[in-house]
Amino acid sequence: MASDGTEGAGRVADVLLRFVDGPQSWGVSAMARELDLSKAVVHRIMRSLVDRGLLTLDSTSRAYTLGPAAAAIGARALRDSKLRRVSLPLLRELQVTTGETTTLSARVPGGRVYLDQVVSTHEINMTVELGRRFPLHAGGSGRAILAFFPAEEREDVLHGELRTLTSATQVDPEQLRTLLAETRKNGVAESGGERQPGAGSVAAPIFDLDGHVVGSISVCGPINRLTPEARRTYVPHVAETADRISRALGWPGGLPAE
């Protein structure tokens, strides 16, 4: 019986997580195909989530979207996040120093999510989607985290699905190993349009008390401003800011030994 309950809870979680990774709205049939479940099972789950405010149902399109209770849970998690609380004042400083948007990502199962950002004051700037899960192999923020995974976990990612997000996304495992080794050596990861077309970034990892990588920060903006030369000028600022955040979380500073 306990096993049935665990399986049921897992299905509910899987339904909710599809709203994080995929489209903003789902129909019963599409969700059933995605999860390889019967439409009857998915319908019961989604109706139960509607009753609790975690989903809402559009009576015209019959599509489900995240509801107010889900938003409240997300807001509470964000408000209570020590990583965000420690990082935000330093992200503001970094934004003033560079003039570009600064972001904070947190490591989550299966990838990373943006927790917060301080948007550039330039008329043309870059913003990121908070709360959506992104893969670790694509873009500077993800690679800054992946580079400091334990070797076995890093290889698990490289042997898994490496999705192509843009024409510049690196999906060759050997090339990624080279990029990740450079990040472990230098403490930063650069990106030019790998996750989002036309965007450039410089990112650095954040470590907790025990030296585990828990997230990353980045400076990002339009690639015509974040040229390779511009990114190089931002490297020391990004690395220093990430180190200050890690120290605030209890890490003594510097990069962990391999």
C-alpha atoms as a PDB file:
ATOM      1  CA  MET A   1       0.000   0.000   0.000  1.00  0.00           C
ATOM      2  CA  ALA A   2       2.835   2.382   0.851  1.00  0.00           C
ATOM      3  CA  SER A   3       4.349   1.626  -2.525  1.00  0.00           C
ATOM      4  CA  ASP A   4       1.093   2.632  -4.247  1.00  0.00           C
ATOM      5  CA  GLY A   5       1.070   5.876  -2.287  1.00  0.00           C
ATOM      6  CA  THR A   6       4.651   6.632  -3.241  1.00  0.00           C
ATOM      7  CA  GLU A   7       3.909   5.954  -6.892  1.00  0.00           C
ATOM      8  CA  GLY A   8       0.855   8.210  -6.751  1.00  0.00           C
ATOM      9  CA  ALA A   9       2.835  11.028  -5.149  1.00  0.00           C
ATOM     10  CA  GLY A  10       5.490  10.617  -7.828  1.00  0.00           C
ATOM     11  CA  ARG A  11       2.895  10.980 -10.567  1.00  0.00           C
ATOM     12  CA  VAL A  12       1.527  14.171  -9.013  1.00  0.00           C
ATOM     13  CA  ALA A  13       5.051  15.572  -8.791  1.00  0.00           C
ATOM     14  CA  ASP A  14       5.742  14.596 -12.409  1.00  0.00           C
ATOM     15  CA  VAL A  15       2.645  16.477 -13.571  1.00  0.00           C
ATOM     16  CA  LEU A  16       3.647  19.632 -11.712  1.00  0.00           C
ATOM     17  CA  LEU A  17       7.255  19.462 -12.899  1.00  0.00           C
ATOM     18  CA  ARG A  18       6.142  19.415 -16.537  1.00  0.00           C
ATOM     19  CA  PHE A  19       4.910  22.977 -16.021  1.00  0.00           C
ATOM     20  CA  VAL A  20       8.448  23.925 -14.968  1.00  0.00           C
ATOM     21  CA  ASP A  21      10.253  22.335 -17.913  1.00  0.00           C
ATOM     22  CA  GLY A  22       7.724  22.519 -20.728  1.00  0.00           C
ATOM     23  CA  PRO A  23       4.859  24.665 -22.035  1.00  0.00           C
ATOM     24  CA  GLN A  24       2.971  27.012 -19.728  1.00  0.00           C
ATOM     25  CA  SER A  25      -0.294  25.205 -20.398  1.00  0.00           C
ATOM     26  CA  TRP A  26      -1.138  21.529 -20.861  1.00  0.00           C
ATOM     27  CA  GLY A  27      -4.178  19.544 -21.920  1.00  0.00           C
ATOM     28  CA  VAL A  28      -4.990  16.154 -20.440  1.00  0.00           C
ATOM     29  CA  SER A  29      -4.146  14.265 -23.643  1.00  0.00           C
ATOM     30  CA  ALA A  30      -0.767  15.966 -24.117  1.00  0.00           C
ATOM     31  CA  MET A  31       0.190  15.398 -20.479  1.00  0.00           C
ATOM     32  CA  ALA A  32      -0.867  11.752 -20.674  1.00  0.00           C
ATOM     33  CA  ARG A  33       1.320  11.203 -23.739  1.00  0.00           C
ATOM     34  CA  GLU A  34       4.243  13.025 -22.113  1.00  0.00           C
ATOM     35  CA  LEU A  35       4.105  10.880 -18.965  1.00  0.00           C
ATOM     36  CA  ASP A  36       2.940   7.667 -20.628  1.00  0.00           C
ATOM     37  CA  LEU A  37      -0.096   7.490 -18.364  1.00  0.00           C
ATOM     38  CA  SER A  38      -3.767   6.958 -19.120  1.00  0.00           C
ATOM     39  CA  LYS A  39      -5.901  10.039 -19.690  1.00  0.00           C
ATOM     40  CA  ALA A  40      -8.166   8.956 -16.834  1.00  0.00           C
ATOM     41  CA  VAL A  41      -5.268   8.952 -14.359  1.00  0.00           C
ATOM     42  CA  VAL A  42      -3.957  12.315 -15.559  1.00  0.00           C
ATOM     43  CA  HIS A  43      -7.426  13.844 -15.470  1.00  0.00           C
ATOM     44  CA  ARG A  44      -7.918  12.767 -11.843  1.00  0.00           C
ATOM     45  CA  ILE A  45      -4.538  14.192 -10.856  1.00  0.00           C
ATOM     46  CA  MET A  46      -5.122  17.504 -12.609  1.00  0.00           C
ATOM     47  CA  ARG A  47      -8.641  17.898 -11.202  1.00  0.00           C
ATOM     48  CA  SER A  48      -7.281  17.250  -7.701  1.00  0.00           C
ATOM     49  CA  LEU A  49      -4.601  19.904  -8.244  1.00  0.00           C
ATOM     50  CA  VAL A  50      -7.248  22.370  -9.463  1.00  0.00           C
ATOM     51  CA  ASP A  51      -9.292  21.728  -6.300  1.00  0.00           C
ATOM     52  CA  ARG A  52      -6.243  22.695  -4.239  1.00  0.00           C
ATOM     53  CA  GLY A  53      -5.352  25.795  -6.249  1.00  0.00           C
ATOM     54  CA  LEU A  54      -2.145  24.313  -7.637  1.00  0.00           C
ATOM     55  CA  LEU A  55      -3.551  24.343 -11.189  1.00  0.00           C
ATOM     56  CA  THR A  56      -6.257  26.359 -12.924  1.00  0.00           C
ATOM     57  CA  LEU A  57      -8.444  25.203 -15.824  1.00  0.00           C
ATOM     58  CA  ASP A  58      -9.402  27.432 -18.736  1.00  0.00           C
ATOM     59  CA  SER A  59     -13.020  26.523 -19.411  1.00  0.00           C
ATOM     60  CA  THR A  60     -12.766  27.520 -23.083  1.00  0.00           C
ATOM     61  CA  SER A  61      -9.491  25.902 -24.156  1.00  0.00           C
ATOM     62  CA  ARG A  62      -9.626  23.124 -21.505  1.00  0.00           C
ATOM     63  CA  ALA A  63      -5.952  23.815 -20.854  1.00  0.00           C
ATOM     64  CA  TYR A  64      -4.409  23.716 -17.388  1.00  0.00           C
ATOM     65  CA  THR A  65      -1.892  26.254 -16.072  1.00  0.00           C
ATOM     66  CA  LEU A  66      -0.170  26.707 -12.726  1.00  0.00           C
ATOM     67  CA  GLY A  67      -2.508  28.157 -10.133  1.00  0.00           C
ATOM     68  CA  PRO A  68      -2.191  30.669  -7.282  1.00  0.00           C
ATOM     69  CA  ALA A  69      -1.191  28.066  -4.702  1.00  0.00           C
ATOM     70  CA  ALA A  70       1.743  26.983  -6.892  1.00  0.00           C
ATOM     71  CA  ALA A  71       2.797  30.620  -7.241  1.00  0.00           C
ATOM     72  CA  ALA A  72       2.588  31.046  -3.460  1.00  0.00           C
ATOM     73  CA  ILE A  73       4.801  27.993  -2.875  1.00  0.00           C
ATOM     74  CA  GLY A  74       7.357  29.312  -5.365  1.00  0.00           C
ATOM     75  CA  ALA A  75       7.319  32.769  -3.802  1.00  0.00           C
ATOM     76  CA  ARG A  76       7.823  31.300  -0.333  1.00  0.00           C
ATOM     77  CA  ALA A  77      10.749  29.171  -1.507  1.00  0.00           C
ATOM     78  CA  LEU A  78      12.325  32.200  -3.161  1.00  0.00           C
ATOM     79  CA  ARG A  79      11.794  34.386  -0.100  1.00  0.00           C
ATOM     80  CA  ASP A  80      13.337  31.775   2.210  1.00  0.00           C
ATOM     81  CA  SER A  81      16.328  30.993  -0.008  1.00  0.00           C
ATOM     82  CA  LYS A  82      19.573  31.762   1.802  1.00  0.00           C
ATOM     83  CA  LEU A  83      21.451  31.588  -1.504  1.00  0.00           C
ATOM     84  CA  ARG A  84      19.254  34.323  -2.953  1.00  0.00           C
ATOM     85  CA  ARG A  85      19.340  36.422   0.220  1.00  0.00           C
ATOM     86  CA  VAL A  86      23.142  36.371   0.374  1.00  0.00           C
ATOM     87  CA  SER A  87      23.638  36.883  -3.364  1.00  0.00           C
ATOM     88  CA  LEU A  88      21.243  39.678  -4.229  1.00  0.00           C
ATOM     89  CA  PRO A  89      23.193  42.645  -2.746  1.00  0.00           C
ATOM     90  CA  LEU A  90      26.353  41.422  -4.495  1.00  0.00           C
ATOM     91  CA  LEU A  91      24.499  40.916  -7.781  1.00  0.00           C
ATOM     92  CA  ARG A  92      23.406  44.558  -7.556  1.00  0.00           C
ATOM     93  CA  GLU A  93      27.032  45.630  -7.071  1.00  0.00           C
ATOM     94  CA  LEU A  94      28.125  43.505 -10.033  1.00  0.00           C
ATOM     95  CA  GLN A  95      25.408  44.993 -12.230  1.00  0.00           C
ATOM     96  CA  VAL A  96      26.585  48.519 -11.421  1.00  0.00           C
ATOM     97  CA  THR A  97      30.210  47.539 -12.114  1.00  0.00           C
ATOM     98  CA  THR A  98      29.523  45.909 -15.479  1.00  0.00           C
ATOM     99  CA  GLY A  99      26.396  47.728 -16.625  1.00  0.00           C
ATOM    100  CA  GLU A 100      24.909  44.406 -17.774  1.00  0.00           C
ATOM    101  CA  THR A 101      22.264  42.069 -16.358  1.00  0.00           C
ATOM    102  CA  THR A 102      23.474  39.847 -13.519  1.00  0.00           C
ATOM    103  CA  THR A 103      21.846  36.519 -12.672  1.00  0.00           C
ATOM    104  CA  LEU A 104      21.784  33.888  -9.945  1.00  0.00           C
ATOM    105  CA  SER A 105      21.219  30.202 -10.739  1.00  0.00           C
ATOM    106  CA  ALA A 106      20.634  27.361  -8.294  1.00  0.00           C
ATOM    107  CA  ARG A 107      21.460  23.717  -8.881  1.00  0.00           C
ATOM    108  CA  VAL A 108      18.352  21.527  -8.927  1.00  0.00           C
ATOM    109  CA  PRO A 109      17.813  17.852  -9.838  1.00  0.00           C
ATOM    110  CA  GLY A 110      18.284  17.490 -13.566  1.00  0.00           C
ATOM    111  CA  GLY A 111      19.661  20.974 -14.204  1.00  0.00           C
ATOM    112  CA  ARG A 112      19.523  24.499 -12.835  1.00  0.00           C
ATOM    113  CA  VAL A 113      16.998  27.315 -12.424  1.00  0.00           C
ATOM    114  CA  TYR A 114      17.403  31.075 -12.355  1.00  0.00           C
ATOM    115  CA  LEU A 115      16.559  32.303  -8.851  1.00  0.00           C
ATOM    116  CA  ASP A 116      16.941  36.032  -9.461  1.00  0.00           C
ATOM    117  CA  GLN A 117      18.374  38.719 -11.702  1.00  0.00           C
ATOM    118  CA  VAL A 118      19.307  42.394 -11.630  1.00  0.00           C
ATOM    119  CA  VAL A 119      18.426  43.781 -15.039  1.00  0.00           C
ATOM    120  CA  SER A 120      20.730  46.106 -16.960  1.00  0.00           C
ATOM    121  CA  THR A 121      19.700  49.727 -17.348  1.00  0.00           C
ATOM    122  CA  HIS A 122      20.723  49.701 -21.017  1.00  0.00           C
ATOM    123  CA  GLU A 123      17.800  50.349 -23.359  1.00  0.00           C
ATOM    124  CA  ILE A 124      18.584  47.030 -25.050  1.00  0.00           C
ATOM    125  CA  ASN A 125      19.228  44.446 -22.363  1.00  0.00           C
ATOM    126  CA  MET A 126      18.837  40.782 -21.525  1.00  0.00           C
ATOM    127  CA  THR A 127      16.415  39.201 -19.073  1.00  0.00           C
ATOM    128  CA  VAL A 128      16.087  35.558 -18.041  1.00  0.00           C
ATOM    129  CA  GLU A 129      13.118  33.362 -17.149  1.00  0.00           C
ATOM    130  CA  LEU A 130      13.061  32.716 -13.407  1.00  0.00           C
ATOM    131  CA  GLY A 131      12.085  29.278 -12.155  1.00  0.00           C
ATOM    132  CA  ARG A 132      12.384  27.348 -15.422  1.00  0.00           C
ATOM    133  CA  ARG A 133      14.773  24.406 -15.402  1.00  0.00           C
ATOM    134  CA  PHE A 134      17.628  24.495 -17.923  1.00  0.00           C
ATOM    135  CA  PRO A 135      20.178  21.771 -18.756  1.00  0.00           C
ATOM    136  CA  LEU A 136      23.684  22.092 -17.382  1.00  0.00           C
ATOM    137  CA  HIS A 137      25.656  21.532 -20.587  1.00  0.00           C
ATOM    138  CA  ALA A 138      24.250  24.573 -22.420  1.00  0.00           C
ATOM    139  CA  GLY A 139      25.508  28.044 -21.524  1.00  0.00           C
ATOM    140  CA  GLY A 140      27.947  29.525 -19.058  1.00  0.00           C
ATOM    141  CA  SER A 141      25.790  29.370 -15.931  1.00  0.00           C
ATOM    142  CA  GLY A 142      25.117  25.664 -16.399  1.00  0.00           C
ATOM    143  CA  ARG A 143      28.687  24.727 -17.275  1.00  0.00           C
ATOM    144  CA  ALA A 144      30.007  26.672 -14.270  1.00  0.00           C
ATOM    145  CA  ILE A 145      27.948  24.316 -12.107  1.00  0.00           C
ATOM    146  CA  LEU A 146      28.572  21.108 -14.062  1.00  0.00           C
ATOM    147  CA  ALA A 147      32.346  21.617 -14.077  1.00  0.00           C
ATOM    148  CA  PHE A 148      32.466  21.168 -10.298  1.00  0.00           C
ATOM    149  CA  PHE A 149      30.291  18.076 -10.065  1.00  0.00           C
ATOM    150  CA  PRO A 150      32.057  14.976  -8.757  1.00  0.00           C
ATOM    151  CA  ALA A 151      33.609  13.217 -11.759  1.00  0.00           C
ATOM    152  CA  GLU A 152      31.110  10.347 -11.776  1.00  0.00           C
ATOM    153  CA  GLU A 153      28.093  12.667 -11.683  1.00  0.00           C
ATOM    154  CA  ARG A 154      29.642  14.843 -14.385  1.00  0.00           C
ATOM    155  CA  GLU A 155      30.074  11.812 -16.628  1.00  0.00           C
ATOM    156  CA  ASP A 156      26.470  10.771 -16.003  1.00  0.00           C
ATOM    157  CA  VAL A 157      25.370  14.113 -17.442  1.00  0.00           C
ATOM    158  CA  LEU A 158      27.721  13.839 -20.420  1.00  0.00           C
ATOM    159  CA  HIS A 159      26.450  10.334 -21.181  1.00  0.00           C
ATOM    160  CA  GLY A 160      22.827  11.472 -20.950  1.00  0.00           C
ATOM    161  CA  GLU A 161      20.705  13.523 -23.315  1.00  0.00           C
ATOM    162  CA  LEU A 162      22.557  16.657 -24.465  1.00  0.00           C
ATOM    163  CA  ARG A 163      19.858  18.758 -26.080  1.00  0.00           C
ATOM    164  CA  THR A 164      20.618  21.293 -28.789  1.00  0.00           C
ATOM    165  CA  LEU A 165      19.058  24.601 -27.729  1.00  0.00           C
ATOM    166  CA  THR A 166      20.634  26.809 -30.411  1.00  0.00           C
ATOM    167  CA  SER A 167      22.948  26.381 -33.376  1.00  0.00           C
ATOM    168  CA  ALA A 168      25.843  27.208 -31.025  1.00  0.00           C
ATOM    169  CA  THR A 169      25.011  24.655 -28.302  1.00  0.00           C
ATOM    170  CA  GLN A 170      27.948  22.328 -27.716  1.00  0.00           C
ATOM    171  CA  VAL A 171      26.691  18.731 -27.512  1.00  0.00           C
ATOM    172  CA  ASP A 172      29.874  16.769 -28.233  1.00  0.00           C
ATOM    173  CA  PRO A 173      30.880  15.092 -24.943  1.00  0.00           C
ATOM    174  CA  GLU A 174      34.614  15.324 -25.663  1.00  0.00           C
ATOM    175  CA  GLN A 175      34.432  19.028 -26.481  1.00  0.00           C
ATOM    176  CA  LEU A 176      32.365  19.588 -23.346  1.00  0.00           C
ATOM    177  CA  ARG A 177      34.974  17.756 -21.251  1.00  0.00           C
ATOM    178  CA  THR A 178      37.598  20.187 -22.559  1.00  0.00           C
ATOM    179  CA  LEU A 179      35.423  23.219 -21.745  1.00  0.00           C
ATOM    180  CA  LEU A 180      34.624  21.875 -18.274  1.00  0.00           C
ATOM    181  CA  ALA A 181      38.308  21.218 -17.548  1.00  0.00           C
ATOM    182  CA  GLU A 182      39.072  24.846 -18.476  1.00  0.00           C
ATOM    183  CA  THR A 183      36.367  26.029 -16.089  1.00  0.00           C
ATOM    184  CA  ARG A 184      37.737  23.887 -13.247  1.00  0.00           C
ATOM    185  CA  LYS A 185      41.145  25.445 -13.871  1.00  0.00           C
ATOM    186  CA  ASN A 186      40.066  29.067 -14.338  1.00  0.00           C
ATOM    187  CA  GLY A 187      36.910  29.197 -12.229  1.00  0.00           C
ATOM    188  CA  VAL A 188      34.767  30.798 -14.956  1.00  0.00           C
ATOM    189  CA  ALA A 189      32.711  29.703 -17.967  1.00  0.00           C
ATOM    190  CA  GLU A 190      31.980  31.856 -21.006  1.00  0.00           C
ATOM    191  CA  SER A 191      29.156  31.440 -23.492  1.00  0.00           C
ATOM    192  CA  GLY A 192      28.279  32.942 -26.844  1.00  0.00           C
ATOM    193  CA  GLY A 193      24.721  32.121 -27.848  1.00  0.00           C
ATOM    194  CA  GLU A 194      24.797  28.519 -26.569  1.00  0.00           C
ATOM    195  CA  ARG A 195      21.562  28.647 -24.569  1.00  0.00           C
ATOM    196  CA  GLN A 196      19.897  31.707 -26.054  1.00  0.00           C
ATOM    197  CA  PRO A 197      20.599  33.048 -29.549  1.00  0.00           C
ATOM    198  CA  GLY A 198      22.278  36.440 -29.577  1.00  0.00           C
ATOM    199  CA  ALA A 199      23.265  36.357 -25.908  1.00  0.00           C
ATOM    200  CA  GLY A 200      26.706  36.270 -24.300  1.00  0.00           C
ATOM    201  CA  SER A 201      27.661  35.558 -20.702  1.00  0.00           C
ATOM    202  CA  VAL A 202      30.423  35.030 -18.172  1.00  0.00           C
ATOM    203  CA  ALA A 203      29.593  32.788 -15.201  1.00  0.00           C
ATOM    204  CA  ALA A 204      31.274  31.483 -12.052  1.00  0.00           C
ATOM    205  CA  PRO A 205      30.316  28.773  -9.542  1.00  0.00           C
ATOM    206  CA  ILE A 206      29.097  29.174  -5.954  1.00  0.00           C
ATOM    207  CA  PHE A 207      30.112  26.692  -3.232  1.00  0.00           C
ATOM    208  CA  ASP A 208      28.580  25.876   0.141  1.00  0.00           C
ATOM    209  CA  LEU A 209      30.248  25.197   3.493  1.00  0.00           C
ATOM    210  CA  ASP A 210      31.382  21.744   2.377  1.00  0.00           C
ATOM    211  CA  GLY A 211      32.675  22.827  -1.024  1.00  0.00           C
ATOM    212  CA  HIS A 212      29.704  21.442  -2.954  1.00  0.00           C
ATOM    213  CA  VAL A 213      28.662  23.515  -5.949  1.00  0.00           C
ATOM    214  CA  VAL A 214      25.181  24.898  -5.260  1.00  0.00           C
ATOM    215  CA  GLY A 215      24.748  27.418  -8.049  1.00  0.00           C
ATOM    216  CA  SER A 216      26.369  30.077 -10.184  1.00  0.00           C
ATOM    217  CA  ILE A 217      26.207  33.753 -11.032  1.00  0.00           C
ATOM    218  CA  SER A 218      26.610  35.392 -14.409  1.00  0.00           C
ATOM    219  CA  VAL A 219      26.893  38.653 -16.260  1.00  0.00           C
ATOM    220  CA  CYS A 220      24.903  38.453 -19.487  1.00  0.00           C
ATOM    221  CA  GLY A 221      23.778  40.660 -22.327  1.00  0.00           C
ATOM    222  CA  PRO A 222      23.462  41.038 -26.090  1.00  0.00           C
ATOM    223  CA  ILE A 223      26.370  39.361 -27.825  1.00  0.00           C
ATOM    224  CA  ASN A 224      27.249  42.513 -29.768  1.00  0.00           C
ATOM    225  CA  ARG A 225      28.189  44.055 -26.403  1.00  0.00           C
ATOM    226  CA  LEU A 226      29.421  40.905 -24.677  1.00  0.00           C
ATOM    227  CA  THR A 227      32.093  40.213 -27.241  1.00  0.00           C
ATOM    228  CA  PRO A 228      34.968  37.869 -26.295  1.00  0.00           C
ATOM    229  CA  GLU A 229      37.037  40.952 -25.438  1.00  0.00           C
ATOM    230  CA  ALA A 230      34.314  42.411 -23.208  1.00  0.00           C
ATOM    231  CA  ARG A 231      33.734  39.057 -21.516  1.00  0.00           C
ATOM    232  CA  ARG A 232      37.426  38.865 -20.605  1.00  0.00           C
ATOM    233  CA  THR A 233      37.190  42.211 -18.805  1.00  0.00           C
ATOM    234  CA  TYR A 234      34.262  40.908 -16.749  1.00  0.00           C
ATOM    235  CA  VAL A 235      35.961  37.652 -15.715  1.00  0.00           C
ATOM    236  CA  PRO A 236      37.728  38.951 -12.568  1.00  0.00           C
ATOM    237  CA  HIS A 237      34.600  40.802 -11.385  1.00  0.00           C
ATOM    238  CA  VAL A 238      32.379  37.743 -11.814  1.00  0.00           C
ATOM    239  CA  ALA A 239      34.903  35.410 -10.176  1.00  0.00           C
ATOM    240  CA  GLU A 240      35.395  37.750  -7.215  1.00  0.00           C
ATOM    241  CA  THR A 241      31.658  38.190  -6.676  1.00  0.00           C
ATOM    242  CA  ALA A 242      31.034  34.437  -6.789  1.00  0.00           C
ATOM    243  CA  ASP A 243      33.838  33.917  -4.278  1.00  0.00           C
ATOM    244  CA  ARG A 244      32.335  36.494  -1.920  1.00  0.00           C
ATOM    245  CA  ILE A 245      28.975  34.717  -2.082  1.00  0.00           C
ATOM    246  CA  SER A 246      30.628  31.348  -1.393  1.00  0.00           C
ATOM    247  CA  ARG A 247      32.431  32.811   1.615  1.00  0.00           C
ATOM    248  CA  ALA A 248      29.119  34.161   2.916  1.00  0.00           C
ATOM    249  CA  LEU A 249      27.762  30.602   2.703  1.00  0.00           C
ATOM    250  CA  GLY A 250      30.677  29.300   4.802  1.00  0.00           C
ATOM    251  CA  TRP A 251      33.188  28.243   2.147  1.00  0.00           C
ATOM    252  CA  PRO A 252      36.743  29.469   2.967  1.00  0.00           C
ATOM    253  CA  GLY A 253      37.288  30.770  -0.560  1.00  0.00           C
ATOM    254  CA  GLY A 254      38.970  29.739  -3.759  1.00  0.00           C
ATOM    255  CA  LEU A 255      38.220  26.694  -5.891  1.00  0.00           C
ATOM    256  CA  PRO A 256      37.845  23.209  -4.376  1.00  0.00           C
ATOM    257  CA  ALA A 257      40.665  20.757  -5.003  1.00  0.00           C
ATOM    258  CA  GLU A 258      39.848  18.140  -7.629  1.00  0.00           C
END
